[in-house]
Amino acid sequence: MKLSGKYGTWLGREYELLQTSPIDGLMILVQQGGESRGAEWERHEHGERFPQPRVSYTLGVPPEEVTNVHAVTATGELKSGLEVEIVAEDAEGKFEVVVGDEVPTERKWDLVEDHGFHTFHNEPVERSGVYGWLPAEMIHGLKSQVHWRKGDK
């Protein structure tokens, strides 16, 4: 299953993209975590910045070499019926999920209190979505859908 993100194909292999359009004339390929794919990949240290792992690697390539550019949204449901967006997965198989600010405050507070979720930019729960890690077995009905493809009208 693809996680929420932007993707494209370069040299026959699919990569995550920093964004769906060039930056300074280059498409930026992203590898989250793991080992570098080569010396030409730039290493980035992120610390505990959500939703990225501590380390990522990027490589700028000519945009004409990147095909099948598209964006994906991955979702699942908690037992309570609450839909979550899945943005990352760790080595232990836990999912990092986001619950939007449109969700009732009480449901967001449950995630903060029961699972250690955080708000964005230290906003109060009443005005923010929340994010955090959940064991994969807590999330069912996983879906990964392309919601935008370059060239679609």
N, C-alpha and C. Protein backbone atom coordinates (compact mmCIF):
# COMPACT_ATOMS: atom_id res chain seq x y z
N MET A 1 0.83 -1.18 0.00
CA MET A 1 0.00 0.00 0.00
C MET A 1 0.88 1.25 0.00
N LYS A 2 0.55 2.19 -0.87
CA LYS A 2 1.25 3.47 -0.88
C LYS A 2 0.72 4.34 0.25
N LEU A 3 1.63 5.05 0.90
CA LEU A 3 1.24 6.01 1.92
C LEU A 3 0.88 7.33 1.25
N SER A 4 0.25 8.23 2.00
CA SER A 4 -0.07 9.54 1.45
C SER A 4 1.22 10.23 1.01
N GLY A 5 1.20 10.80 -0.19
CA GLY A 5 2.38 11.49 -0.69
C GLY A 5 2.29 11.74 -2.18
N LYS A 6 3.39 12.26 -2.72
CA LYS A 6 3.50 12.54 -4.15
C LYS A 6 4.53 11.57 -4.73
N TYR A 7 4.26 11.04 -5.92
CA TYR A 7 5.10 10.00 -6.50
C TYR A 7 5.35 10.25 -7.98
N GLY A 8 6.45 9.69 -8.48
CA GLY A 8 6.76 9.72 -9.90
C GLY A 8 7.74 8.60 -10.22
N THR A 9 7.88 8.31 -11.50
CA THR A 9 8.77 7.23 -11.95
C THR A 9 9.99 7.82 -12.62
N TRP A 10 11.17 7.38 -12.19
CA TRP A 10 12.44 7.82 -12.76
C TRP A 10 13.28 6.58 -13.04
N LEU A 11 13.76 6.45 -14.27
CA LEU A 11 14.58 5.31 -14.69
C LEU A 11 13.90 3.98 -14.34
N GLY A 12 12.58 3.92 -14.54
CA GLY A 12 11.84 2.68 -14.35
C GLY A 12 11.49 2.34 -12.91
N ARG A 13 11.82 3.20 -11.98
CA ARG A 13 11.54 2.93 -10.56
C ARG A 13 10.71 4.08 -9.98
N GLU A 14 9.71 3.73 -9.17
CA GLU A 14 8.87 4.76 -8.56
C GLU A 14 9.54 5.32 -7.31
N TYR A 15 9.49 6.65 -7.19
CA TYR A 15 10.05 7.36 -6.05
C TYR A 15 9.02 8.31 -5.48
N GLU A 16 9.18 8.64 -4.20
CA GLU A 16 8.42 9.74 -3.63
C GLU A 16 9.03 11.03 -4.16
N LEU A 17 8.18 12.05 -4.35
CA LEU A 17 8.63 13.36 -4.83
C LEU A 17 8.42 14.40 -3.74
N LEU A 18 9.31 15.39 -3.70
CA LEU A 18 9.13 16.49 -2.75
C LEU A 18 7.89 17.29 -3.11
N GLN A 19 7.69 17.54 -4.39
CA GLN A 19 6.46 18.16 -4.88
C GLN A 19 6.25 17.72 -6.33
N THR A 20 5.09 18.04 -6.89
CA THR A 20 4.73 17.52 -8.21
C THR A 20 5.19 18.42 -9.35
N SER A 21 5.88 19.50 -9.05
CA SER A 21 6.43 20.37 -10.09
C SER A 21 7.90 20.64 -9.78
N PRO A 22 8.67 21.03 -10.80
CA PRO A 22 10.10 21.25 -10.59
C PRO A 22 10.40 22.37 -9.59
N ILE A 23 11.52 22.24 -8.92
CA ILE A 23 12.07 23.27 -8.04
C ILE A 23 13.42 23.65 -8.64
N ASP A 24 13.57 24.91 -9.01
CA ASP A 24 14.80 25.38 -9.66
C ASP A 24 15.17 24.49 -10.84
N GLY A 25 14.16 24.08 -11.61
CA GLY A 25 14.37 23.31 -12.82
C GLY A 25 14.58 21.82 -12.63
N LEU A 26 14.44 21.32 -11.40
CA LEU A 26 14.65 19.89 -11.14
C LEU A 26 13.48 19.30 -10.36
N MET A 27 13.16 18.05 -10.68
CA MET A 27 12.22 17.29 -9.86
C MET A 27 13.05 16.69 -8.72
N ILE A 28 12.55 16.77 -7.50
CA ILE A 28 13.30 16.30 -6.34
C ILE A 28 12.74 14.95 -5.89
N LEU A 29 13.56 13.90 -6.06
CA LEU A 29 13.22 12.56 -5.58
C LEU A 29 13.56 12.49 -4.09
N VAL A 30 12.76 11.74 -3.34
CA VAL A 30 12.95 11.64 -1.89
C VAL A 30 13.00 10.17 -1.48
N GLN A 31 13.95 9.86 -0.62
CA GLN A 31 13.98 8.55 0.04
C GLN A 31 13.93 8.82 1.53
N GLN A 32 12.90 8.32 2.20
CA GLN A 32 12.73 8.52 3.64
C GLN A 32 13.44 7.40 4.40
N GLY A 33 14.45 7.75 5.18
CA GLY A 33 15.14 6.79 6.03
C GLY A 33 16.01 5.82 5.24
N GLY A 34 16.55 4.85 5.95
CA GLY A 34 17.38 3.83 5.33
C GLY A 34 18.76 4.34 4.95
N GLU A 35 19.37 3.63 4.03
CA GLU A 35 20.70 3.98 3.55
C GLU A 35 20.59 4.74 2.24
N SER A 36 21.56 5.58 1.97
CA SER A 36 21.59 6.35 0.73
C SER A 36 21.69 5.43 -0.48
N ARG A 37 21.04 5.82 -1.57
CA ARG A 37 21.10 5.04 -2.81
C ARG A 37 22.38 5.32 -3.59
N GLY A 38 23.17 6.29 -3.15
CA GLY A 38 24.42 6.60 -3.83
C GLY A 38 24.97 7.94 -3.37
N ALA A 39 26.22 8.20 -3.75
CA ALA A 39 26.92 9.41 -3.30
C ALA A 39 26.25 10.69 -3.79
N GLU A 40 25.53 10.62 -4.92
CA GLU A 40 24.89 11.83 -5.47
C GLU A 40 23.64 12.25 -4.70
N TRP A 41 23.12 11.38 -3.83
CA TRP A 41 21.94 11.70 -3.02
C TRP A 41 22.37 12.56 -1.83
N GLU A 42 21.64 13.66 -1.60
CA GLU A 42 21.95 14.56 -0.48
C GLU A 42 21.25 14.07 0.79
N ARG A 43 22.00 14.01 1.88
CA ARG A 43 21.48 13.54 3.17
C ARG A 43 20.90 14.72 3.96
N HIS A 44 19.75 14.50 4.62
CA HIS A 44 19.11 15.52 5.45
C HIS A 44 18.81 14.93 6.82
N GLU A 45 19.19 15.63 7.89
CA GLU A 45 18.91 15.22 9.27
C GLU A 45 17.69 16.01 9.73
N HIS A 46 16.65 15.31 10.23
CA HIS A 46 15.41 15.98 10.62
C HIS A 46 15.13 15.95 12.11
N GLY A 47 15.83 15.18 12.89
CA GLY A 47 15.50 15.05 14.30
C GLY A 47 14.13 14.40 14.45
N GLU A 48 13.29 14.97 15.27
CA GLU A 48 11.96 14.40 15.54
C GLU A 48 10.85 15.14 14.79
N ARG A 49 11.11 15.58 13.58
CA ARG A 49 10.14 16.39 12.85
C ARG A 49 9.09 15.52 12.16
N PHE A 50 7.84 15.74 12.48
CA PHE A 50 6.72 14.98 11.91
C PHE A 50 6.52 15.38 10.46
N PRO A 51 6.17 14.47 9.54
CA PRO A 51 6.07 13.03 9.70
C PRO A 51 7.29 12.30 9.18
N GLN A 52 8.42 12.98 9.15
CA GLN A 52 9.60 12.39 8.54
C GLN A 52 10.42 11.57 9.52
N PRO A 53 11.14 10.58 8.99
CA PRO A 53 12.11 9.88 9.85
C PRO A 53 13.27 10.84 10.14
N ARG A 54 14.17 10.41 10.98
CA ARG A 54 15.30 11.26 11.36
C ARG A 54 16.18 11.64 10.16
N VAL A 55 16.23 10.78 9.15
CA VAL A 55 17.11 11.00 8.00
C VAL A 55 16.32 10.79 6.71
N SER A 56 16.58 11.64 5.73
CA SER A 56 16.05 11.41 4.38
C SER A 56 17.14 11.78 3.39
N TYR A 57 16.93 11.37 2.15
CA TYR A 57 17.88 11.66 1.08
C TYR A 57 17.10 12.23 -0.10
N THR A 58 17.71 13.20 -0.79
CA THR A 58 17.06 13.77 -1.97
C THR A 58 18.03 13.78 -3.14
N LEU A 59 17.44 13.76 -4.33
CA LEU A 59 18.21 13.83 -5.56
C LEU A 59 17.41 14.63 -6.58
N GLY A 60 18.02 15.67 -7.15
CA GLY A 60 17.38 16.45 -8.19
C GLY A 60 17.67 15.85 -9.55
N VAL A 61 16.62 15.66 -10.36
CA VAL A 61 16.78 15.08 -11.70
C VAL A 61 15.99 15.93 -12.70
N PRO A 62 16.36 15.87 -13.98
CA PRO A 62 15.63 16.64 -14.99
C PRO A 62 14.15 16.23 -15.03
N PRO A 63 13.24 17.21 -15.08
CA PRO A 63 11.81 16.89 -15.05
C PRO A 63 11.35 16.01 -16.20
N GLU A 64 11.99 16.13 -17.36
CA GLU A 64 11.58 15.31 -18.50
C GLU A 64 11.89 13.83 -18.30
N GLU A 65 12.71 13.50 -17.30
CA GLU A 65 13.03 12.10 -16.99
C GLU A 65 12.04 11.48 -15.99
N VAL A 66 11.15 12.29 -15.44
CA VAL A 66 10.20 11.79 -14.43
C VAL A 66 8.82 11.68 -15.07
N THR A 67 8.26 10.49 -15.02
CA THR A 67 6.94 10.22 -15.61
C THR A 67 5.96 9.78 -14.53
N ASN A 68 4.70 9.63 -14.92
CA ASN A 68 3.66 9.11 -14.02
C ASN A 68 3.62 9.87 -12.69
N VAL A 69 3.68 11.20 -12.76
CA VAL A 69 3.62 12.02 -11.55
C VAL A 69 2.18 12.02 -11.03
N HIS A 70 2.02 11.68 -9.74
CA HIS A 70 0.69 11.61 -9.15
C HIS A 70 0.76 11.79 -7.64
N ALA A 71 -0.40 12.07 -7.04
CA ALA A 71 -0.50 12.23 -5.59
C ALA A 71 -1.49 11.20 -5.06
N VAL A 72 -1.17 10.67 -3.89
CA VAL A 72 -1.94 9.58 -3.28
C VAL A 72 -2.38 9.99 -1.87
N THR A 73 -3.57 9.59 -1.51
CA THR A 73 -4.04 9.72 -0.13
C THR A 73 -4.32 8.31 0.40
N ALA A 74 -3.68 7.97 1.51
CA ALA A 74 -3.89 6.67 2.16
C ALA A 74 -4.70 6.90 3.43
N THR A 75 -5.74 6.09 3.61
CA THR A 75 -6.60 6.23 4.78
C THR A 75 -6.91 4.87 5.39
N GLY A 76 -7.40 4.91 6.59
CA GLY A 76 -7.89 3.73 7.28
C GLY A 76 -8.86 4.17 8.34
N GLU A 77 -9.47 3.20 9.01
CA GLU A 77 -10.45 3.51 10.06
C GLU A 77 -10.05 2.87 11.37
N LEU A 78 -10.31 3.60 12.44
CA LEU A 78 -10.17 3.03 13.78
C LEU A 78 -11.45 2.29 14.12
N LYS A 79 -11.39 1.46 15.15
CA LYS A 79 -12.57 0.69 15.56
C LYS A 79 -13.78 1.59 15.81
N SER A 80 -13.52 2.79 16.26
CA SER A 80 -14.60 3.74 16.56
C SER A 80 -15.26 4.30 15.31
N GLY A 81 -14.70 3.97 14.12
CA GLY A 81 -15.24 4.50 12.87
C GLY A 81 -14.56 5.77 12.42
N LEU A 82 -13.63 6.28 13.20
CA LEU A 82 -12.92 7.50 12.86
C LEU A 82 -11.93 7.24 11.72
N GLU A 83 -12.04 8.03 10.64
CA GLU A 83 -11.10 7.88 9.52
C GLU A 83 -9.82 8.65 9.83
N VAL A 84 -8.67 8.04 9.52
CA VAL A 84 -7.36 8.66 9.71
C VAL A 84 -6.61 8.63 8.38
N GLU A 85 -5.75 9.63 8.18
CA GLU A 85 -4.86 9.62 7.01
C GLU A 85 -3.53 9.03 7.44
N ILE A 86 -3.00 8.12 6.62
CA ILE A 86 -1.76 7.42 6.94
C ILE A 86 -0.62 8.09 6.17
N VAL A 87 0.36 8.64 6.92
CA VAL A 87 1.42 9.41 6.28
C VAL A 87 2.80 8.78 6.39
N ALA A 88 2.99 7.81 7.28
CA ALA A 88 4.30 7.17 7.42
C ALA A 88 4.12 5.81 8.09
N GLU A 89 5.15 4.97 7.93
CA GLU A 89 5.19 3.66 8.58
C GLU A 89 6.60 3.46 9.11
N ASP A 90 6.72 2.96 10.35
CA ASP A 90 8.06 2.73 10.90
C ASP A 90 8.49 1.28 10.71
N ALA A 91 9.70 0.98 11.15
CA ALA A 91 10.27 -0.36 10.97
C ALA A 91 9.49 -1.43 11.73
N GLU A 92 8.79 -1.04 12.79
CA GLU A 92 8.00 -2.00 13.58
C GLU A 92 6.60 -2.19 13.02
N GLY A 93 6.27 -1.49 11.93
CA GLY A 93 4.95 -1.64 11.32
C GLY A 93 3.88 -0.73 11.90
N LYS A 94 4.28 0.25 12.73
CA LYS A 94 3.31 1.22 13.23
C LYS A 94 3.08 2.28 12.16
N PHE A 95 1.87 2.84 12.14
CA PHE A 95 1.54 3.90 11.19
C PHE A 95 1.51 5.25 11.89
N GLU A 96 2.06 6.25 11.23
CA GLU A 96 1.90 7.63 11.69
C GLU A 96 0.68 8.18 10.97
N VAL A 97 -0.27 8.66 11.75
CA VAL A 97 -1.55 9.07 11.18
C VAL A 97 -1.88 10.50 11.57
N VAL A 98 -2.76 11.10 10.77
CA VAL A 98 -3.25 12.45 11.00
C VAL A 98 -4.77 12.41 11.07
N VAL A 99 -5.31 13.15 12.00
CA VAL A 99 -6.75 13.34 12.11
C VAL A 99 -6.97 14.84 11.94
N GLY A 100 -7.82 15.21 10.99
CA GLY A 100 -8.01 16.62 10.64
C GLY A 100 -8.71 17.44 11.70
N ASP A 101 -8.59 18.76 11.55
CA ASP A 101 -9.19 19.67 12.53
C ASP A 101 -10.72 19.69 12.46
N GLU A 102 -11.30 19.09 11.41
CA GLU A 102 -12.76 19.03 11.29
C GLU A 102 -13.39 17.96 12.18
N VAL A 103 -12.56 17.09 12.73
CA VAL A 103 -13.04 16.01 13.61
C VAL A 103 -13.46 16.62 14.96
N PRO A 104 -14.54 16.12 15.56
CA PRO A 104 -14.96 16.66 16.86
C PRO A 104 -13.82 16.65 17.89
N THR A 105 -13.76 17.71 18.66
CA THR A 105 -12.70 17.90 19.64
C THR A 105 -12.57 16.72 20.60
N GLU A 106 -13.69 16.16 21.04
CA GLU A 106 -13.63 15.04 22.00
C GLU A 106 -12.88 13.85 21.43
N ARG A 107 -13.07 13.59 20.13
CA ARG A 107 -12.39 12.44 19.51
C ARG A 107 -10.90 12.70 19.39
N LYS A 108 -10.53 13.94 19.11
CA LYS A 108 -9.10 14.29 19.05
C LYS A 108 -8.48 14.18 20.44
N TRP A 109 -9.20 14.64 21.47
CA TRP A 109 -8.69 14.53 22.84
C TRP A 109 -8.46 13.07 23.22
N ASP A 110 -9.34 12.18 22.79
CA ASP A 110 -9.15 10.75 23.07
C ASP A 110 -7.80 10.27 22.54
N LEU A 111 -7.45 10.68 21.33
CA LEU A 111 -6.17 10.27 20.74
C LEU A 111 -4.99 10.89 21.49
N VAL A 112 -5.13 12.15 21.88
CA VAL A 112 -4.07 12.82 22.64
C VAL A 112 -3.86 12.11 23.98
N GLU A 113 -4.93 11.85 24.69
CA GLU A 113 -4.83 11.26 26.03
C GLU A 113 -4.48 9.77 26.01
N ASP A 114 -5.07 9.02 25.09
CA ASP A 114 -4.88 7.57 25.07
C ASP A 114 -3.64 7.11 24.31
N HIS A 115 -3.19 7.92 23.33
CA HIS A 115 -2.10 7.46 22.46
C HIS A 115 -0.97 8.47 22.30
N GLY A 116 -1.00 9.56 23.07
CA GLY A 116 0.10 10.52 23.03
C GLY A 116 0.18 11.35 21.77
N PHE A 117 -0.94 11.55 21.08
CA PHE A 117 -0.94 12.37 19.87
C PHE A 117 -0.60 13.82 20.22
N HIS A 118 -0.20 14.57 19.18
CA HIS A 118 0.19 15.98 19.32
C HIS A 118 -0.63 16.83 18.37
N THR A 119 -0.73 18.12 18.68
CA THR A 119 -1.35 19.06 17.74
C THR A 119 -0.26 19.66 16.85
N PHE A 120 -0.67 20.28 15.77
CA PHE A 120 0.27 20.96 14.88
C PHE A 120 0.58 22.35 15.43
N HIS A 121 1.84 22.73 15.39
CA HIS A 121 2.30 24.07 15.76
C HIS A 121 1.87 24.46 17.17
N ASN A 122 1.75 23.48 18.06
CA ASN A 122 1.35 23.73 19.45
C ASN A 122 0.02 24.45 19.60
N GLU A 123 -0.84 24.30 18.61
CA GLU A 123 -2.19 24.88 18.68
C GLU A 123 -3.03 24.09 19.67
N PRO A 124 -4.06 24.70 20.24
CA PRO A 124 -4.98 23.94 21.09
C PRO A 124 -5.72 22.88 20.26
N VAL A 125 -6.08 21.79 20.90
CA VAL A 125 -6.78 20.69 20.22
C VAL A 125 -8.03 21.20 19.51
N GLU A 126 -8.69 22.17 20.10
CA GLU A 126 -9.93 22.70 19.52
C GLU A 126 -9.71 23.34 18.15
N ARG A 127 -8.48 23.80 17.86
CA ARG A 127 -8.21 24.51 16.61
C ARG A 127 -7.25 23.77 15.68
N SER A 128 -6.93 22.53 15.97
CA SER A 128 -5.89 21.85 15.20
C SER A 128 -6.26 20.40 14.95
N GLY A 129 -5.68 19.86 13.88
CA GLY A 129 -5.67 18.42 13.71
C GLY A 129 -4.67 17.84 14.69
N VAL A 130 -4.66 16.52 14.82
CA VAL A 130 -3.69 15.85 15.69
C VAL A 130 -2.99 14.75 14.91
N TYR A 131 -1.79 14.39 15.37
CA TYR A 131 -1.01 13.34 14.71
C TYR A 131 -0.28 12.51 15.74
N GLY A 132 0.02 11.27 15.35
CA GLY A 132 0.77 10.38 16.22
C GLY A 132 0.87 8.99 15.61
N TRP A 133 1.51 8.09 16.36
CA TRP A 133 1.75 6.72 15.91
C TRP A 133 0.73 5.77 16.52
N LEU A 134 0.25 4.84 15.70
CA LEU A 134 -0.66 3.79 16.17
C LEU A 134 -0.19 2.44 15.64
N PRO A 135 -0.36 1.37 16.42
CA PRO A 135 -0.05 0.04 15.90
C PRO A 135 -0.94 -0.26 14.69
N ALA A 136 -0.37 -0.91 13.69
CA ALA A 136 -1.10 -1.20 12.46
C ALA A 136 -2.38 -1.98 12.73
N GLU A 137 -2.37 -2.85 13.74
CA GLU A 137 -3.56 -3.66 14.00
C GLU A 137 -4.75 -2.84 14.51
N MET A 138 -4.52 -1.59 14.89
CA MET A 138 -5.63 -0.71 15.31
C MET A 138 -6.35 -0.08 14.13
N ILE A 139 -5.75 -0.20 12.94
CA ILE A 139 -6.32 0.47 11.76
C ILE A 139 -6.77 -0.58 10.77
N HIS A 140 -8.02 -0.48 10.31
CA HIS A 140 -8.54 -1.44 9.34
C HIS A 140 -9.14 -0.68 8.16
N GLY A 141 -9.54 -1.43 7.13
CA GLY A 141 -10.13 -0.81 5.94
C GLY A 141 -9.15 0.10 5.23
N LEU A 142 -7.89 -0.32 5.14
CA LEU A 142 -6.86 0.52 4.52
C LEU A 142 -7.17 0.75 3.04
N LYS A 143 -7.03 2.01 2.61
CA LYS A 143 -7.23 2.38 1.21
C LYS A 143 -6.12 3.33 0.79
N SER A 144 -5.67 3.16 -0.43
CA SER A 144 -4.68 4.06 -1.01
C SER A 144 -5.22 4.48 -2.37
N GLN A 145 -5.55 5.76 -2.52
CA GLN A 145 -6.19 6.22 -3.75
C GLN A 145 -5.41 7.37 -4.38
N VAL A 146 -5.24 7.28 -5.70
CA VAL A 146 -4.66 8.40 -6.45
C VAL A 146 -5.73 9.49 -6.51
N HIS A 147 -5.42 10.67 -5.98
CA HIS A 147 -6.40 11.76 -6.02
C HIS A 147 -6.01 12.85 -7.00
N TRP A 148 -4.82 12.74 -7.62
CA TRP A 148 -4.39 13.69 -8.64
C TRP A 148 -3.32 13.02 -9.49
N ARG A 149 -3.41 13.22 -10.79
CA ARG A 149 -2.39 12.70 -11.71
C ARG A 149 -2.04 13.81 -12.69
N LYS A 150 -0.76 14.05 -12.89
CA LYS A 150 -0.31 15.11 -13.81
C LYS A 150 -0.88 14.83 -15.19
N GLY A 151 -1.47 15.86 -15.77
CA GLY A 151 -2.06 15.73 -17.09
C GLY A 151 -3.55 15.50 -17.07
N ASP A 152 -4.10 15.09 -15.90
CA ASP A 152 -5.56 14.94 -15.80
C ASP A 152 -6.21 16.32 -15.77
N LYS A 153 -7.34 16.43 -16.38
CA LYS A 153 -8.07 17.71 -16.39
C LYS A 153 -9.13 17.69 -15.34
